Amino acid sequence: MVKIDTSNLSYSVPPNYLKLIAFLIEPLLDSPDSLKVDCEEINSTKRVWIRLAVDEEDKGRIYGRGGRNIQAIQTVLAIAAKQIGQTLYLEIYEEPGEKTRSTSYSRRSEPNRKFIRRRSRSQVQSKPKLSIKSRWQEP
């Protein structure tokens, strides 16, 4: 297999984000016609904001389990933007009263994570009462 070094390649033509998003997201949707995309370039095309809106029942498919789908989509879009020196921001439209999903993918942002409260070393702890009696021994 021949490897091609792509580190020296530079692209001057920006990718067609609308077609790329349609290619990545439409297969996940029940109703592909519901996909609405807004693409905005700021600071002489150095920053790109992409905003998506879909039907409520399709949002779960776009996010995927644990945010895997949206993270993969964002990675592909960010790589395409980085090839021409752009920074990409991806947002999904949420209704004002809707439960917002976290865009962070670190383990610390998991909602069910339990934290153990540690005792300070200055607190005096009583020693446990030990018994040598057998469970089967009569009292």
C-alpha atoms as a PDB file:
ATOM      1  CA  MET A   1       0.000   0.000   0.000  1.00  0.00           C
ATOM      2  CA  VAL A   2       1.327   3.423  -0.960  1.00  0.00           C
ATOM      3  CA  LYS A   3       1.042   6.250   1.556  1.00  0.00           C
ATOM      4  CA  ILE A   4       0.646   9.786   0.309  1.00  0.00           C
ATOM      5  CA  ASP A   5       1.927  12.638   2.436  1.00  0.00           C
ATOM      6  CA  THR A   6      -0.869  15.198   2.601  1.00  0.00           C
ATOM      7  CA  SER A   7       0.774  17.510   5.145  1.00  0.00           C
ATOM      8  CA  ASN A   8       2.149  19.806   2.419  1.00  0.00           C
ATOM      9  CA  LEU A   9      -1.112  20.105   0.536  1.00  0.00           C
ATOM     10  CA  SER A  10      -3.022  23.324   0.954  1.00  0.00           C
ATOM     11  CA  TYR A  11      -6.464  23.948  -0.416  1.00  0.00           C
ATOM     12  CA  SER A  12      -7.606  27.426  -1.327  1.00  0.00           C
ATOM     13  CA  VAL A  13     -11.188  26.551  -2.262  1.00  0.00           C
ATOM     14  CA  PRO A  14     -13.461  26.288   0.782  1.00  0.00           C
ATOM     15  CA  PRO A  15     -15.484  23.088   1.044  1.00  0.00           C
ATOM     16  CA  ASN A  16     -19.183  23.164   0.267  1.00  0.00           C
ATOM     17  CA  TYR A  17     -20.390  22.806   3.861  1.00  0.00           C
ATOM     18  CA  LEU A  18     -24.054  22.551   2.872  1.00  0.00           C
ATOM     19  CA  LYS A  19     -23.463  19.499   0.675  1.00  0.00           C
ATOM     20  CA  LEU A  20     -21.102  17.943   3.206  1.00  0.00           C
ATOM     21  CA  ILE A  21     -23.648  18.316   6.013  1.00  0.00           C
ATOM     22  CA  ALA A  22     -26.418  16.918   3.827  1.00  0.00           C
ATOM     23  CA  PHE A  23     -24.194  13.940   2.991  1.00  0.00           C
ATOM     24  CA  LEU A  24     -23.369  13.266   6.661  1.00  0.00           C
ATOM     25  CA  ILE A  25     -26.716  13.963   8.354  1.00  0.00           C
ATOM     26  CA  GLU A  26     -29.538  13.125   5.925  1.00  0.00           C
ATOM     27  CA  PRO A  27     -29.037   9.317   6.197  1.00  0.00           C
ATOM     28  CA  LEU A  28     -29.654   9.609   9.955  1.00  0.00           C
ATOM     29  CA  LEU A  29     -33.010  11.392   9.607  1.00  0.00           C
ATOM     30  CA  ASP A  30     -36.506   9.958   9.196  1.00  0.00           C
ATOM     31  CA  SER A  31     -37.545  13.069   7.291  1.00  0.00           C
ATOM     32  CA  PRO A  32     -34.503  14.513   5.471  1.00  0.00           C
ATOM     33  CA  ASP A  33     -36.631  17.451   4.305  1.00  0.00           C
ATOM     34  CA  SER A  34     -36.745  18.729   7.888  1.00  0.00           C
ATOM     35  CA  LEU A  35     -33.000  19.517   7.900  1.00  0.00           C
ATOM     36  CA  LYS A  36     -32.352  23.273   7.958  1.00  0.00           C
ATOM     37  CA  VAL A  37     -28.760  24.524   7.734  1.00  0.00           C
ATOM     38  CA  ASP A  38     -27.391  28.029   8.260  1.00  0.00           C
ATOM     39  CA  CYS A  39     -23.741  28.585   7.361  1.00  0.00           C
ATOM     40  CA  GLU A  40     -22.115  31.889   8.324  1.00  0.00           C
ATOM     41  CA  GLU A  41     -18.515  32.925   7.628  1.00  0.00           C
ATOM     42  CA  ILE A  42     -16.988  35.654   9.804  1.00  0.00           C
ATOM     43  CA  ASN A  43     -13.653  37.518   9.945  1.00  0.00           C
ATOM     44  CA  SER A  44     -12.866  37.291   6.238  1.00  0.00           C
ATOM     45  CA  THR A  45     -13.734  33.574   6.130  1.00  0.00           C
ATOM     46  CA  LYS A  46     -11.482  32.521   9.040  1.00  0.00           C
ATOM     47  CA  ARG A  47     -14.387  31.417  11.257  1.00  0.00           C
ATOM     48  CA  VAL A  48     -17.389  29.409  10.164  1.00  0.00           C
ATOM     49  CA  TRP A  49     -20.564  28.945  12.209  1.00  0.00           C
ATOM     50  CA  ILE A  50     -22.887  26.165  11.132  1.00  0.00           C
ATOM     51  CA  ARG A  51     -26.305  25.970  12.745  1.00  0.00           C
ATOM     52  CA  LEU A  52     -28.582  22.969  12.268  1.00  0.00           C
ATOM     53  CA  ALA A  53     -32.294  22.581  12.921  1.00  0.00           C
ATOM     54  CA  VAL A  54     -34.193  19.288  12.621  1.00  0.00           C
ATOM     55  CA  ASP A  55     -37.437  17.798  13.899  1.00  0.00           C
ATOM     56  CA  GLU A  56     -37.485  16.897  17.583  1.00  0.00           C
ATOM     57  CA  GLU A  57     -37.767  13.140  16.963  1.00  0.00           C
ATOM     58  CA  ASP A  58     -34.637  13.177  14.772  1.00  0.00           C
ATOM     59  CA  LYS A  59     -32.384  14.944  17.281  1.00  0.00           C
ATOM     60  CA  GLY A  60     -31.648  11.730  19.142  1.00  0.00           C
ATOM     61  CA  ARG A  61     -30.313  10.141  15.977  1.00  0.00           C
ATOM     62  CA  ILE A  62     -28.133  13.139  15.213  1.00  0.00           C
ATOM     63  CA  TYR A  63     -26.625  13.167  18.699  1.00  0.00           C
ATOM     64  CA  GLY A  64     -26.247   9.399  18.853  1.00  0.00           C
ATOM     65  CA  ARG A  65     -25.499   7.341  21.917  1.00  0.00           C
ATOM     66  CA  GLY A  66     -23.330   9.406  24.215  1.00  0.00           C
ATOM     67  CA  GLY A  67     -22.956  12.107  21.549  1.00  0.00           C
ATOM     68  CA  ARG A  68     -20.897   9.870  19.272  1.00  0.00           C
ATOM     69  CA  ASN A  69     -22.655  10.805  16.029  1.00  0.00           C
ATOM     70  CA  ILE A  70     -22.485  14.560  16.535  1.00  0.00           C
ATOM     71  CA  GLN A  71     -18.877  14.309  17.673  1.00  0.00           C
ATOM     72  CA  ALA A  72     -17.936  12.383  14.514  1.00  0.00           C
ATOM     73  CA  ILE A  73     -19.808  14.864  12.306  1.00  0.00           C
ATOM     74  CA  GLN A  74     -18.113  17.790  14.017  1.00  0.00           C
ATOM     75  CA  THR A  75     -14.698  16.143  13.596  1.00  0.00           C
ATOM     76  CA  VAL A  76     -15.199  15.627   9.848  1.00  0.00           C
ATOM     77  CA  LEU A  77     -16.371  19.224   9.395  1.00  0.00           C
ATOM     78  CA  ALA A  78     -13.509  20.603  11.507  1.00  0.00           C
ATOM     79  CA  ILE A  79     -10.930  18.686   9.455  1.00  0.00           C
ATOM     80  CA  ALA A  80     -12.415  20.028   6.229  1.00  0.00           C
ATOM     81  CA  ALA A  81     -12.279  23.574   7.633  1.00  0.00           C
ATOM     82  CA  LYS A  82      -8.761  23.199   8.979  1.00  0.00           C
ATOM     83  CA  GLN A  83      -7.466  22.220   5.527  1.00  0.00           C
ATOM     84  CA  ILE A  84      -8.008  25.816   4.392  1.00  0.00           C
ATOM     85  CA  GLY A  85      -7.193  27.514   7.695  1.00  0.00           C
ATOM     86  CA  GLN A  86     -10.715  28.001   9.049  1.00  0.00           C
ATOM     87  CA  THR A  87     -12.127  27.378  12.506  1.00  0.00           C
ATOM     88  CA  LEU A  88     -15.541  25.712  12.554  1.00  0.00           C
ATOM     89  CA  TYR A  89     -18.283  25.924  15.181  1.00  0.00           C
ATOM     90  CA  LEU A  90     -21.278  23.585  15.003  1.00  0.00           C
ATOM     91  CA  GLU A  91     -24.539  24.315  16.832  1.00  0.00           C
ATOM     92  CA  ILE A  92     -27.854  22.487  16.900  1.00  0.00           C
ATOM     93  CA  TYR A  93     -30.933  24.624  17.389  1.00  0.00           C
ATOM     94  CA  GLU A  94     -32.833  23.919  20.615  1.00  0.00           C
ATOM     95  CA  GLU A  95     -36.239  25.265  21.589  1.00  0.00           C
ATOM     96  CA  PRO A  96     -36.070  27.741  24.511  1.00  0.00           C
ATOM     97  CA  GLY A  97     -37.833  25.370  26.935  1.00  0.00           C
ATOM     98  CA  GLU A  98     -36.021  22.256  25.750  1.00  0.00           C
ATOM     99  CA  LYS A  99     -33.587  20.282  27.816  1.00  0.00           C
ATOM    100  CA  THR A 100     -30.185  21.264  26.469  1.00  0.00           C
ATOM    101  CA  ARG A 101     -27.609  18.626  25.689  1.00  0.00           C
ATOM    102  CA  SER A 102     -24.021  19.101  26.648  1.00  0.00           C
ATOM    103  CA  THR A 103     -21.558  19.689  23.854  1.00  0.00           C
ATOM    104  CA  SER A 104     -18.711  18.510  26.029  1.00  0.00           C
ATOM    105  CA  TYR A 105     -17.654  14.934  25.539  1.00  0.00           C
ATOM    106  CA  SER A 106     -15.415  14.456  28.556  1.00  0.00           C
ATOM    107  CA  ARG A 107     -16.143  11.874  31.216  1.00  0.00           C
ATOM    108  CA  ARG A 108     -16.526  14.619  33.814  1.00  0.00           C
ATOM    109  CA  SER A 109     -19.705  15.882  32.168  1.00  0.00           C
ATOM    110  CA  GLU A 110     -21.598  12.616  32.627  1.00  0.00           C
ATOM    111  CA  PRO A 111     -24.788  13.351  34.586  1.00  0.00           C
ATOM    112  CA  ASN A 112     -24.838  10.074  36.534  1.00  0.00           C
ATOM    113  CA  ARG A 113     -21.299  10.327  37.823  1.00  0.00           C
ATOM    114  CA  LYS A 114     -21.125   9.917  41.601  1.00  0.00           C
ATOM    115  CA  PHE A 115     -18.677  11.830  43.718  1.00  0.00           C
ATOM    116  CA  ILE A 116     -17.443  10.580  47.063  1.00  0.00           C
ATOM    117  CA  ARG A 117     -17.065  13.187  49.743  1.00  0.00           C
ATOM    118  CA  ARG A 118     -13.762  12.761  51.518  1.00  0.00           C
ATOM    119  CA  ARG A 119     -13.329  13.317  55.194  1.00  0.00           C
ATOM    120  CA  SER A 120     -10.684  15.687  56.336  1.00  0.00           C
ATOM    121  CA  ARG A 121      -7.731  14.163  58.152  1.00  0.00           C
ATOM    122  CA  SER A 122      -8.342  16.320  61.184  1.00  0.00           C
ATOM    123  CA  GLN A 123     -11.612  14.554  61.991  1.00  0.00           C
ATOM    124  CA  VAL A 124     -11.239  11.978  64.750  1.00  0.00           C
ATOM    125  CA  GLN A 125     -12.516   8.620  63.688  1.00  0.00           C
ATOM    126  CA  SER A 126     -13.655   6.082  66.235  1.00  0.00           C
ATOM    127  CA  LYS A 127     -12.133   2.658  65.942  1.00  0.00           C
ATOM    128  CA  PRO A 128     -14.478  -0.098  64.831  1.00  0.00           C
ATOM    129  CA  LYS A 129     -15.588  -2.563  67.490  1.00  0.00           C
ATOM    130  CA  LEU A 130     -14.152  -5.941  66.673  1.00  0.00           C
ATOM    131  CA  SER A 131     -15.580  -9.208  67.854  1.00  0.00           C
ATOM    132  CA  ILE A 132     -13.839 -12.562  67.778  1.00  0.00           C
ATOM    133  CA  LYS A 133     -17.015 -14.521  68.309  1.00  0.00           C
ATOM    134  CA  SER A 134     -18.028 -16.946  65.658  1.00  0.00           C
ATOM    135  CA  ARG A 135     -21.362 -16.552  64.048  1.00  0.00           C
ATOM    136  CA  TRP A 136     -22.249 -20.088  65.025  1.00  0.00           C
ATOM    137  CA  GLN A 137     -21.213 -19.728  68.651  1.00  0.00           C
ATOM    138  CA  GLU A 138     -23.989 -19.627  71.246  1.00  0.00           C
ATOM    139  CA  PRO A 139     -24.272 -16.372  73.246  1.00  0.00           C
END
